[in-house]
Amino acid sequence: MKNEIWLFQKGFYAVHITDSKLKHKFDFLKNFKLITTYFYPKGVMGWDFLVPAEMYNKTVRLLKLGA
C-alpha cells in the first residue's frame, strides 16, 4: 500500500504511510494522532494517522502527493 490520504469523518482525514522517516516526522507534529500500526511477521509495514482537516495541505506536502 502506498502513502494515501482520505476523508475519515467530518473534520478529519486518515493518512496511511509506509516510510519510517515520514512516521518519525508525523510523531512530532502536534495534531497528528497515530491510530493504527500494521505488522508483518518480520516487523512493522505501515501506520495510519488521524489528521485534522485544517492540516490537510501540510499533510499532502509531507506525503509529496501534490494537490
PDB file of N, CA and C in Angstrom:
ATOM      1  N   MET A   1       0.847  -1.183   0.000  1.00  0.00           N
ATOM      2  CA  MET A   1       0.000   0.000   0.000  1.00  0.00           C
ATOM      3  C   MET A   1       0.890   1.242   0.000  1.00  0.00           C
ATOM      4  N   LYS A   2       0.552   2.207  -0.803  1.00  0.00           N
ATOM      5  CA  LYS A   2       1.316   3.448  -0.895  1.00  0.00           C
ATOM      6  C   LYS A   2       0.822   4.453   0.141  1.00  0.00           C
ATOM      7  N   ASN A   3       1.545   5.568   0.240  1.00  0.00           N
ATOM      8  CA  ASN A   3       1.070   6.659   1.084  1.00  0.00           C
ATOM      9  C   ASN A   3      -0.260   7.148   0.532  1.00  0.00           C
ATOM     10  N   GLU A   4      -1.237   7.276   1.394  1.00  0.00           N
ATOM     11  CA  GLU A   4      -2.569   7.705   0.973  1.00  0.00           C
ATOM     12  C   GLU A   4      -3.185   8.618   2.024  1.00  0.00           C
ATOM     13  N   ILE A   5      -4.143   9.415   1.579  1.00  0.00           N
ATOM     14  CA  ILE A   5      -4.926  10.257   2.479  1.00  0.00           C
ATOM     15  C   ILE A   5      -6.375  10.194   2.028  1.00  0.00           C
ATOM     16  N   TRP A   6      -7.294  10.061   2.981  1.00  0.00           N
ATOM     17  CA  TRP A   6      -8.710  10.003   2.639  1.00  0.00           C
ATOM     18  C   TRP A   6      -9.541  10.613   3.763  1.00  0.00           C
ATOM     19  N   LEU A   7     -10.727  11.057   3.411  1.00  0.00           N
ATOM     20  CA  LEU A   7     -11.649  11.632   4.396  1.00  0.00           C
ATOM     21  C   LEU A   7     -12.083  10.540   5.351  1.00  0.00           C
ATOM     22  N   PHE A   8     -11.902  10.766   6.632  1.00  0.00           N
ATOM     23  CA  PHE A   8     -12.222   9.776   7.651  1.00  0.00           C
ATOM     24  C   PHE A   8     -13.610  10.033   8.223  1.00  0.00           C
ATOM     25  N   GLN A   9     -13.810  11.253   8.655  1.00  0.00           N
ATOM     26  CA  GLN A   9     -15.101  11.730   9.132  1.00  0.00           C
ATOM     27  C   GLN A   9     -15.052  13.241   9.048  1.00  0.00           C
ATOM     28  N   LYS A  10     -16.174  13.889   9.236  1.00  0.00           N
ATOM     29  CA  LYS A  10     -16.206  15.343   9.099  1.00  0.00           C
ATOM     30  C   LYS A  10     -15.134  15.984   9.993  1.00  0.00           C
ATOM     31  N   GLY A  11     -14.258  16.737   9.342  1.00  0.00           N
ATOM     32  CA  GLY A  11     -13.221  17.460  10.073  1.00  0.00           C
ATOM     33  C   GLY A  11     -11.918  16.702  10.236  1.00  0.00           C
ATOM     34  N   PHE A  12     -11.842  15.462   9.750  1.00  0.00           N
ATOM     35  CA  PHE A  12     -10.623  14.668   9.916  1.00  0.00           C
ATOM     36  C   PHE A  12     -10.309  13.855   8.674  1.00  0.00           C
ATOM     37  N   TYR A  13      -9.020  13.677   8.439  1.00  0.00           N
ATOM     38  CA  TYR A  13      -8.534  12.805   7.373  1.00  0.00           C
ATOM     39  C   TYR A  13      -7.716  11.691   8.003  1.00  0.00           C
ATOM     40  N   ALA A  14      -7.740  10.536   7.377  1.00  0.00           N
ATOM     41  CA  ALA A  14      -6.867   9.437   7.765  1.00  0.00           C
ATOM     42  C   ALA A  14      -5.731   9.392   6.749  1.00  0.00           C
ATOM     43  N   VAL A  15      -4.545   9.113   7.238  1.00  0.00           N
ATOM     44  CA  VAL A  15      -3.358   9.073   6.398  1.00  0.00           C
ATOM     45  C   VAL A  15      -2.661   7.737   6.628  1.00  0.00           C
ATOM     46  N   HIS A  16      -2.367   7.023   5.537  1.00  0.00           N
ATOM     47  CA  HIS A  16      -1.605   5.778   5.639  1.00  0.00           C
ATOM     48  C   HIS A  16      -0.209   6.037   5.085  1.00  0.00           C
ATOM     49  N   ILE A  17       0.804   5.647   5.865  1.00  0.00           N
ATOM     50  CA  ILE A  17       2.189   5.801   5.422  1.00  0.00           C
ATOM     51  C   ILE A  17       2.947   4.494   5.636  1.00  0.00           C
ATOM     52  N   THR A  18       4.012   4.314   4.854  1.00  0.00           N
ATOM     53  CA  THR A  18       4.851   3.126   4.990  1.00  0.00           C
ATOM     54  C   THR A  18       6.315   3.478   5.242  1.00  0.00           C
ATOM     55  N   ASP A  19       6.652   4.749   5.211  1.00  0.00           N
ATOM     56  CA  ASP A  19       8.030   5.209   5.372  1.00  0.00           C
ATOM     57  C   ASP A  19       8.300   5.555   6.842  1.00  0.00           C
ATOM     58  N   SER A  20       9.277   4.886   7.444  1.00  0.00           N
ATOM     59  CA  SER A  20       9.557   5.120   8.862  1.00  0.00           C
ATOM     60  C   SER A  20      10.088   6.529   9.131  1.00  0.00           C
ATOM     61  N   LYS A  21      10.799   7.135   8.164  1.00  0.00           N
ATOM     62  CA  LYS A  21      11.279   8.515   8.346  1.00  0.00           C
ATOM     63  C   LYS A  21      10.105   9.490   8.378  1.00  0.00           C
ATOM     64  N   LEU A  22       9.136   9.259   7.516  1.00  0.00           N
ATOM     65  CA  LEU A  22       7.937  10.093   7.497  1.00  0.00           C
ATOM     66  C   LEU A  22       7.127   9.883   8.776  1.00  0.00           C
ATOM     67  N   LYS A  23       7.060   8.647   9.249  1.00  0.00           N
ATOM     68  CA  LYS A  23       6.356   8.356  10.505  1.00  0.00           C
ATOM     69  C   LYS A  23       6.985   9.137  11.660  1.00  0.00           C
ATOM     70  N   HIS A  24       8.309   9.208  11.668  1.00  0.00           N
ATOM     71  CA  HIS A  24       9.012   9.954  12.716  1.00  0.00           C
ATOM     72  C   HIS A  24       8.626  11.438  12.669  1.00  0.00           C
ATOM     73  N   LYS A  25       8.503  12.011  11.470  1.00  0.00           N
ATOM     74  CA  LYS A  25       8.076  13.407  11.336  1.00  0.00           C
ATOM     75  C   LYS A  25       6.657  13.577  11.866  1.00  0.00           C
ATOM     76  N   PHE A  26       5.770  12.653  11.501  1.00  0.00           N
ATOM     77  CA  PHE A  26       4.377  12.740  11.940  1.00  0.00           C
ATOM     78  C   PHE A  26       4.268  12.641  13.459  1.00  0.00           C
ATOM     79  N   ASP A  27       5.126  11.826  14.080  1.00  0.00           N
ATOM     80  CA  ASP A  27       5.095  11.664  15.537  1.00  0.00           C
ATOM     81  C   ASP A  27       5.281  12.990  16.266  1.00  0.00           C
ATOM     82  N   PHE A  28       6.035  13.899  15.660  1.00  0.00           N
ATOM     83  CA  PHE A  28       6.348  15.159  16.332  1.00  0.00           C
ATOM     84  C   PHE A  28       5.423  16.311  15.948  1.00  0.00           C
ATOM     85  N   LEU A  29       4.469  16.052  15.080  1.00  0.00           N
ATOM     86  CA  LEU A  29       3.508  17.096  14.722  1.00  0.00           C
ATOM     87  C   LEU A  29       2.347  17.063  15.715  1.00  0.00           C
ATOM     88  N   LYS A  30       2.061  18.198  16.254  1.00  0.00           N
ATOM     89  CA  LYS A  30       1.139  18.334  17.378  1.00  0.00           C
ATOM     90  C   LYS A  30      -0.233  17.697  17.163  1.00  0.00           C
ATOM     91  N   ASN A  31      -0.843  17.883  16.013  1.00  0.00           N
ATOM     92  CA  ASN A  31      -2.227  17.449  15.814  1.00  0.00           C
ATOM     93  C   ASN A  31      -2.368  16.116  15.083  1.00  0.00           C
ATOM     94  N   PHE A  32      -1.259  15.421  14.849  1.00  0.00           N
ATOM     95  CA  PHE A  32      -1.307  14.136  14.153  1.00  0.00           C
ATOM     96  C   PHE A  32      -1.363  13.023  15.199  1.00  0.00           C
ATOM     97  N   LYS A  33      -2.376  12.161  15.097  1.00  0.00           N
ATOM     98  CA  LYS A  33      -2.549  11.113  16.093  1.00  0.00           C
ATOM     99  C   LYS A  33      -2.417   9.734  15.446  1.00  0.00           C
ATOM    100  N   LEU A  34      -1.488   8.935  15.944  1.00  0.00           N
ATOM    101  CA  LEU A  34      -1.307   7.571  15.457  1.00  0.00           C
ATOM    102  C   LEU A  34      -2.521   6.740  15.862  1.00  0.00           C
ATOM    103  N   ILE A  35      -3.183   6.105  14.882  1.00  0.00           N
ATOM    104  CA  ILE A  35      -4.372   5.311  15.208  1.00  0.00           C
ATOM    105  C   ILE A  35      -4.216   3.821  14.911  1.00  0.00           C
ATOM    106  N   THR A  36      -3.294   3.457  14.013  1.00  0.00           N
ATOM    107  CA  THR A  36      -3.102   2.050  13.677  1.00  0.00           C
ATOM    108  C   THR A  36      -1.652   1.789  13.296  1.00  0.00           C
ATOM    109  N   THR A  37      -1.132   0.653  13.724  1.00  0.00           N
ATOM    110  CA  THR A  37       0.171   0.173  13.287  1.00  0.00           C
ATOM    111  C   THR A  37      -0.044  -1.191  12.644  1.00  0.00           C
ATOM    112  N   TYR A  38       0.482  -1.384  11.433  1.00  0.00           N
ATOM    113  CA  TYR A  38       0.336  -2.643  10.703  1.00  0.00           C
ATOM    114  C   TYR A  38       1.612  -3.458  10.831  1.00  0.00           C
ATOM    115  N   PHE A  39       1.457  -4.721  11.223  1.00  0.00           N
ATOM    116  CA  PHE A  39       2.599  -5.604  11.425  1.00  0.00           C
ATOM    117  C   PHE A  39       2.585  -6.766  10.434  1.00  0.00           C
ATOM    118  N   TYR A  40       3.767  -7.138   9.998  1.00  0.00           N
ATOM    119  CA  TYR A  40       4.006  -8.375   9.273  1.00  0.00           C
ATOM    120  C   TYR A  40       4.873  -9.237  10.176  1.00  0.00           C
ATOM    121  N   PRO A  41       5.024 -10.517   9.885  1.00  0.00           N
ATOM    122  CA  PRO A  41       5.878 -11.353  10.743  1.00  0.00           C
ATOM    123  C   PRO A  41       7.297 -10.801  10.923  1.00  0.00           C
ATOM    124  N   LYS A  42       7.799 -10.083   9.930  1.00  0.00           N
ATOM    125  CA  LYS A  42       9.163  -9.542  10.031  1.00  0.00           C
ATOM    126  C   LYS A  42       9.218  -8.128  10.594  1.00  0.00           C
ATOM    127  N   GLY A  43       8.104  -7.550  10.982  1.00  0.00           N
ATOM    128  CA  GLY A  43       8.134  -6.216  11.564  1.00  0.00           C
ATOM    129  C   GLY A  43       6.986  -5.338  11.102  1.00  0.00           C
ATOM    130  N   VAL A  44       7.139  -4.047  11.345  1.00  0.00           N
ATOM    131  CA  VAL A  44       6.108  -3.067  11.013  1.00  0.00           C
ATOM    132  C   VAL A  44       6.110  -2.793   9.517  1.00  0.00           C
ATOM    133  N   MET A  45       4.915  -2.697   8.925  1.00  0.00           N
ATOM    134  CA  MET A  45       4.827  -2.405   7.496  1.00  0.00           C
ATOM    135  C   MET A  45       4.124  -1.092   7.189  1.00  0.00           C
ATOM    136  N   GLY A  46       3.491  -0.456   8.186  1.00  0.00           N
ATOM    137  CA  GLY A  46       2.827   0.812   7.921  1.00  0.00           C
ATOM    138  C   GLY A  46       2.100   1.351   9.139  1.00  0.00           C
ATOM    139  N   TRP A  47       1.618   2.598   8.990  1.00  0.00           N
ATOM    140  CA  TRP A  47       0.926   3.280  10.071  1.00  0.00           C
ATOM    141  C   TRP A  47      -0.224   4.101   9.506  1.00  0.00           C
ATOM    142  N   ASP A  48      -1.263   4.286  10.303  1.00  0.00           N
ATOM    143  CA  ASP A  48      -2.347   5.210   9.980  1.00  0.00           C
ATOM    144  C   ASP A  48      -2.359   6.307  11.032  1.00  0.00           C
ATOM    145  N   PHE A  49      -2.508   7.530  10.556  1.00  0.00           N
ATOM    146  CA  PHE A  49      -2.615   8.690  11.429  1.00  0.00           C
ATOM    147  C   PHE A  49      -3.951   9.376  11.183  1.00  0.00           C
ATOM    148  N   LEU A  50      -4.493   9.977  12.211  1.00  0.00           N
ATOM    149  CA  LEU A  50      -5.690  10.815  12.106  1.00  0.00           C
ATOM    150  C   LEU A  50      -5.218  12.264  12.123  1.00  0.00           C
ATOM    151  N   VAL A  51      -5.664  13.030  11.130  1.00  0.00           N
ATOM    152  CA  VAL A  51      -5.181  14.394  10.927  1.00  0.00           C
ATOM    153  C   VAL A  51      -6.377  15.346  10.821  1.00  0.00           C
ATOM    154  N   PRO A  52      -6.372  16.466  11.552  1.00  0.00           N
ATOM    155  CA  PRO A  52      -7.454  17.441  11.416  1.00  0.00           C
ATOM    156  C   PRO A  52      -7.498  18.021   9.999  1.00  0.00           C
ATOM    157  N   ALA A  53      -8.684  18.338   9.534  1.00  0.00           N
ATOM    158  CA  ALA A  53      -8.872  18.850   8.170  1.00  0.00           C
ATOM    159  C   ALA A  53      -8.026  20.098   7.904  1.00  0.00           C
ATOM    160  N   GLU A  54      -7.816  20.934   8.897  1.00  0.00           N
ATOM    161  CA  GLU A  54      -7.038  22.160   8.673  1.00  0.00           C
ATOM    162  C   GLU A  54      -5.554  21.853   8.408  1.00  0.00           C
ATOM    163  N   MET A  55      -5.126  20.619   8.647  1.00  0.00           N
ATOM    164  CA  MET A  55      -3.744  20.209   8.388  1.00  0.00           C
ATOM    165  C   MET A  55      -3.614  19.454   7.057  1.00  0.00           C
ATOM    166  N   TYR A  56      -4.684  19.429   6.266  1.00  0.00           N
ATOM    167  CA  TYR A  56      -4.703  18.674   5.012  1.00  0.00           C
ATOM    168  C   TYR A  56      -3.575  19.095   4.062  1.00  0.00           C
ATOM    169  N   ASN A  57      -3.449  20.387   3.797  1.00  0.00           N
ATOM    170  CA  ASN A  57      -2.433  20.864   2.847  1.00  0.00           C
ATOM    171  C   ASN A  57      -1.018  20.524   3.306  1.00  0.00           C
ATOM    172  N   LYS A  58      -0.747  20.696   4.588  1.00  0.00           N
ATOM    173  CA  LYS A  58       0.576  20.355   5.121  1.00  0.00           C
ATOM    174  C   LYS A  58       0.830  18.856   4.979  1.00  0.00           C
ATOM    175  N   THR A  59      -0.191  18.069   5.228  1.00  0.00           N
ATOM    176  CA  THR A  59      -0.068  16.615   5.116  1.00  0.00           C
ATOM    177  C   THR A  59       0.235  16.200   3.684  1.00  0.00           C
ATOM    178  N   VAL A  60      -0.466  16.779   2.729  1.00  0.00           N
ATOM    179  CA  VAL A  60      -0.234  16.467   1.315  1.00  0.00           C
ATOM    180  C   VAL A  60       1.197  16.836   0.928  1.00  0.00           C
ATOM    181  N   ARG A  61       1.678  17.973   1.402  1.00  0.00           N
ATOM    182  CA  ARG A  61       3.070  18.374   1.109  1.00  0.00           C
ATOM    183  C   ARG A  61       4.061  17.368   1.694  1.00  0.00           C
ATOM    184  N   LEU A  62       3.817  16.931   2.932  1.00  0.00           N
ATOM    185  CA  LEU A  62       4.711  15.958   3.551  1.00  0.00           C
ATOM    186  C   LEU A  62       4.697  14.629   2.797  1.00  0.00           C
ATOM    187  N   LEU A  63       3.540  14.246   2.305  1.00  0.00           N
ATOM    188  CA  LEU A  63       3.414  12.999   1.551  1.00  0.00           C
ATOM    189  C   LEU A  63       3.925  13.139   0.130  1.00  0.00           C
ATOM    190  N   LYS A  64       4.119  14.382  -0.292  1.00  0.00           N
ATOM    191  CA  LYS A  64       4.550  14.697  -1.667  1.00  0.00           C
ATOM    192  C   LYS A  64       3.575  14.125  -2.699  1.00  0.00           C
ATOM    193  N   LEU A  65       2.277  14.218  -2.399  1.00  0.00           N
ATOM    194  CA  LEU A  65       1.249  13.730  -3.300  1.00  0.00           C
ATOM    195  C   LEU A  65       0.871  14.786  -4.322  1.00  0.00           C
ATOM    196  N   GLY A  66       1.154  16.034  -4.017  1.00  0.00           N
ATOM    197  CA  GLY A  66       0.737  17.127  -4.895  1.00  0.00           C
ATOM    198  C   GLY A  66      -0.759  17.341  -4.770  1.00  0.00           C
ATOM    199  N   ALA A  67      -1.193  18.570  -4.757  1.00  0.00           N
ATOM    200  CA  ALA A  67      -2.634  18.844  -4.633  1.00  0.00           C
ATOM    201  C   ALA A  67      -2.954  20.172  -5.254  1.00  0.00           C
TER     202      ALA A  67
END
